[in-house]
Amino acid sequence: MIASATLIRPRAYVLPQPCDSEADFRRFHHLDINHLSALQLWAENEAAGAALAAIMRGGADPVIVYENGRTLSASWWLRERLERTKGGRT
């Protein structure tokens, strides 16, 4: 039997809710990536790519609400996230 501590499971990719917290606001505007290491950038790029692929497969594209009720599709934000994190390397 494998101990649960040795299992690595992917986490769900959580979209930012910029109206909920300062951290989510910073993440929505990609201000959080300046402090990521190259390996963390790579991991974020991989996770965002997987999230975008899941949206494309599923057909439902969630909406992110920001500022005064403006909206942005999750797929649009994820494409921008991919562009901004593509420099990460292992």
C-alpha atoms as a PDB file:
ATOM      1  CA  MET A   1       0.000   0.000   0.000  1.00  0.00           C
ATOM      2  CA  ILE A   2       1.264   3.490  -0.851  1.00  0.00           C
ATOM      3  CA  ALA A   3       1.248   6.068   1.924  1.00  0.00           C
ATOM      4  CA  SER A   4      -0.892   9.100   1.092  1.00  0.00           C
ATOM      5  CA  ALA A   5       2.065  11.416   1.783  1.00  0.00           C
ATOM      6  CA  THR A   6       3.865   9.968  -1.248  1.00  0.00           C
ATOM      7  CA  LEU A   7       1.025  10.613  -3.692  1.00  0.00           C
ATOM      8  CA  ILE A   8       1.208  13.779  -5.736  1.00  0.00           C
ATOM      9  CA  ARG A   9      -2.132  14.962  -7.006  1.00  0.00           C
ATOM     10  CA  PRO A  10      -2.758  17.921  -9.256  1.00  0.00           C
ATOM     11  CA  ARG A  11      -4.568  20.814  -7.655  1.00  0.00           C
ATOM     12  CA  ALA A  12      -7.484  22.508  -9.336  1.00  0.00           C
ATOM     13  CA  TYR A  13      -6.443  25.748 -11.000  1.00  0.00           C
ATOM     14  CA  VAL A  14      -8.197  28.559  -9.153  1.00  0.00           C
ATOM     15  CA  LEU A  15      -8.948  31.677 -11.174  1.00  0.00           C
ATOM     16  CA  PRO A  16      -8.315  35.001  -9.443  1.00  0.00           C
ATOM     17  CA  GLN A  17     -11.233  36.911  -7.981  1.00  0.00           C
ATOM     18  CA  PRO A  18      -9.753  40.438  -8.122  1.00  0.00           C
ATOM     19  CA  CYS A  19     -12.575  41.996  -6.112  1.00  0.00           C
ATOM     20  CA  ASP A  20     -12.076  39.555  -3.217  1.00  0.00           C
ATOM     21  CA  SER A  21      -8.548  40.257  -2.011  1.00  0.00           C
ATOM     22  CA  GLU A  22      -5.340  42.162  -2.645  1.00  0.00           C
ATOM     23  CA  ALA A  23      -3.572  38.904  -3.525  1.00  0.00           C
ATOM     24  CA  ASP A  24      -6.180  38.042  -6.163  1.00  0.00           C
ATOM     25  CA  PHE A  25      -6.080  41.602  -7.512  1.00  0.00           C
ATOM     26  CA  ARG A  26      -2.299  41.322  -7.905  1.00  0.00           C
ATOM     27  CA  ARG A  27      -2.584  37.902  -9.515  1.00  0.00           C
ATOM     28  CA  PHE A  28      -5.316  39.074 -11.907  1.00  0.00           C
ATOM     29  CA  HIS A  29      -2.988  41.836 -13.118  1.00  0.00           C
ATOM     30  CA  HIS A  30      -0.021  39.385 -13.168  1.00  0.00           C
ATOM     31  CA  LEU A  31       1.849  41.423 -10.563  1.00  0.00           C
ATOM     32  CA  ASP A  32       2.620  38.252  -8.620  1.00  0.00           C
ATOM     33  CA  ILE A  33       4.922  36.742 -11.241  1.00  0.00           C
ATOM     34  CA  ASN A  34       7.766  39.186 -10.600  1.00  0.00           C
ATOM     35  CA  HIS A  35       8.632  37.292  -7.426  1.00  0.00           C
ATOM     36  CA  LEU A  36       8.517  33.774  -8.876  1.00  0.00           C
ATOM     37  CA  SER A  37      11.620  31.734  -9.525  1.00  0.00           C
ATOM     38  CA  ALA A  38      12.231  30.263 -12.972  1.00  0.00           C
ATOM     39  CA  LEU A  39      10.942  26.904 -11.752  1.00  0.00           C
ATOM     40  CA  GLN A  40       7.820  28.487 -10.252  1.00  0.00           C
ATOM     41  CA  LEU A  41       7.196  30.342 -13.538  1.00  0.00           C
ATOM     42  CA  TRP A  42       7.456  27.060 -15.397  1.00  0.00           C
ATOM     43  CA  ALA A  43       5.031  25.380 -12.985  1.00  0.00           C
ATOM     44  CA  GLU A  44       2.548  28.267 -13.277  1.00  0.00           C
ATOM     45  CA  ASN A  45       2.797  28.137 -17.066  1.00  0.00           C
ATOM     46  CA  GLU A  46       2.109  24.394 -17.066  1.00  0.00           C
ATOM     47  CA  ALA A  47      -0.855  24.769 -14.696  1.00  0.00           C
ATOM     48  CA  ALA A  48      -2.359  27.664 -16.670  1.00  0.00           C
ATOM     49  CA  GLY A  49      -1.954  25.695 -19.898  1.00  0.00           C
ATOM     50  CA  ALA A  50      -3.732  22.694 -18.405  1.00  0.00           C
ATOM     51  CA  ALA A  51      -6.544  24.949 -17.151  1.00  0.00           C
ATOM     52  CA  LEU A  52      -6.953  26.518 -20.599  1.00  0.00           C
ATOM     53  CA  ALA A  53      -7.010  23.079 -22.213  1.00  0.00           C
ATOM     54  CA  ALA A  54      -9.737  21.974 -19.773  1.00  0.00           C
ATOM     55  CA  ILE A  55     -11.829  25.027 -20.676  1.00  0.00           C
ATOM     56  CA  MET A  56     -11.407  24.353 -24.386  1.00  0.00           C
ATOM     57  CA  ARG A  57     -12.376  20.691 -23.949  1.00  0.00           C
ATOM     58  CA  GLY A  58     -15.350  21.465 -21.737  1.00  0.00           C
ATOM     59  CA  GLY A  59     -16.795  24.342 -23.726  1.00  0.00           C
ATOM     60  CA  ALA A  60     -17.764  26.433 -20.681  1.00  0.00           C
ATOM     61  CA  ASP A  61     -15.630  29.555 -20.303  1.00  0.00           C
ATOM     62  CA  PRO A  62     -16.039  31.117 -16.841  1.00  0.00           C
ATOM     63  CA  VAL A  63     -16.097  34.867 -16.451  1.00  0.00           C
ATOM     64  CA  ILE A  64     -13.849  36.873 -14.138  1.00  0.00           C
ATOM     65  CA  VAL A  65     -15.504  39.991 -12.718  1.00  0.00           C
ATOM     66  CA  TYR A  66     -13.214  42.924 -11.947  1.00  0.00           C
ATOM     67  CA  GLU A  67     -13.292  46.666 -11.273  1.00  0.00           C
ATOM     68  CA  ASN A  68     -16.813  48.085 -11.562  1.00  0.00           C
ATOM     69  CA  GLY A  69     -18.482  44.947 -12.857  1.00  0.00           C
ATOM     70  CA  ARG A  70     -16.347  44.587 -15.958  1.00  0.00           C
ATOM     71  CA  THR A  71     -15.818  41.023 -17.108  1.00  0.00           C
ATOM     72  CA  LEU A  72     -13.107  39.036 -18.816  1.00  0.00           C
ATOM     73  CA  SER A  73     -13.328  35.440 -20.008  1.00  0.00           C
ATOM     74  CA  ALA A  74     -11.152  32.972 -18.177  1.00  0.00           C
ATOM     75  CA  SER A  75      -9.681  31.762 -21.467  1.00  0.00           C
ATOM     76  CA  TRP A  76      -8.555  35.273 -22.349  1.00  0.00           C
ATOM     77  CA  TRP A  77      -6.911  35.745 -18.937  1.00  0.00           C
ATOM     78  CA  LEU A  78      -5.255  32.325 -19.137  1.00  0.00           C
ATOM     79  CA  ARG A  79      -3.797  33.086 -22.566  1.00  0.00           C
ATOM     80  CA  GLU A  80      -2.321  36.275 -21.129  1.00  0.00           C
ATOM     81  CA  ARG A  81      -1.038  34.327 -18.126  1.00  0.00           C
ATOM     82  CA  LEU A  82       0.642  31.844 -20.444  1.00  0.00           C
ATOM     83  CA  GLU A  83       2.338  34.649 -22.349  1.00  0.00           C
ATOM     84  CA  ARG A  84       3.605  36.269 -19.160  1.00  0.00           C
ATOM     85  CA  THR A  85       4.945  33.054 -17.632  1.00  0.00           C
ATOM     86  CA  LYS A  86       6.453  31.434 -20.706  1.00  0.00           C
ATOM     87  CA  GLY A  87      10.012  32.360 -19.767  1.00  0.00           C
ATOM     88  CA  GLY A  88      10.171  29.885 -16.890  1.00  0.00           C
ATOM     89  CA  ARG A  89      12.537  26.941 -17.211  1.00  0.00           C
ATOM     90  CA  THR A  90      13.295  23.786 -15.302  1.00  0.00           C
END
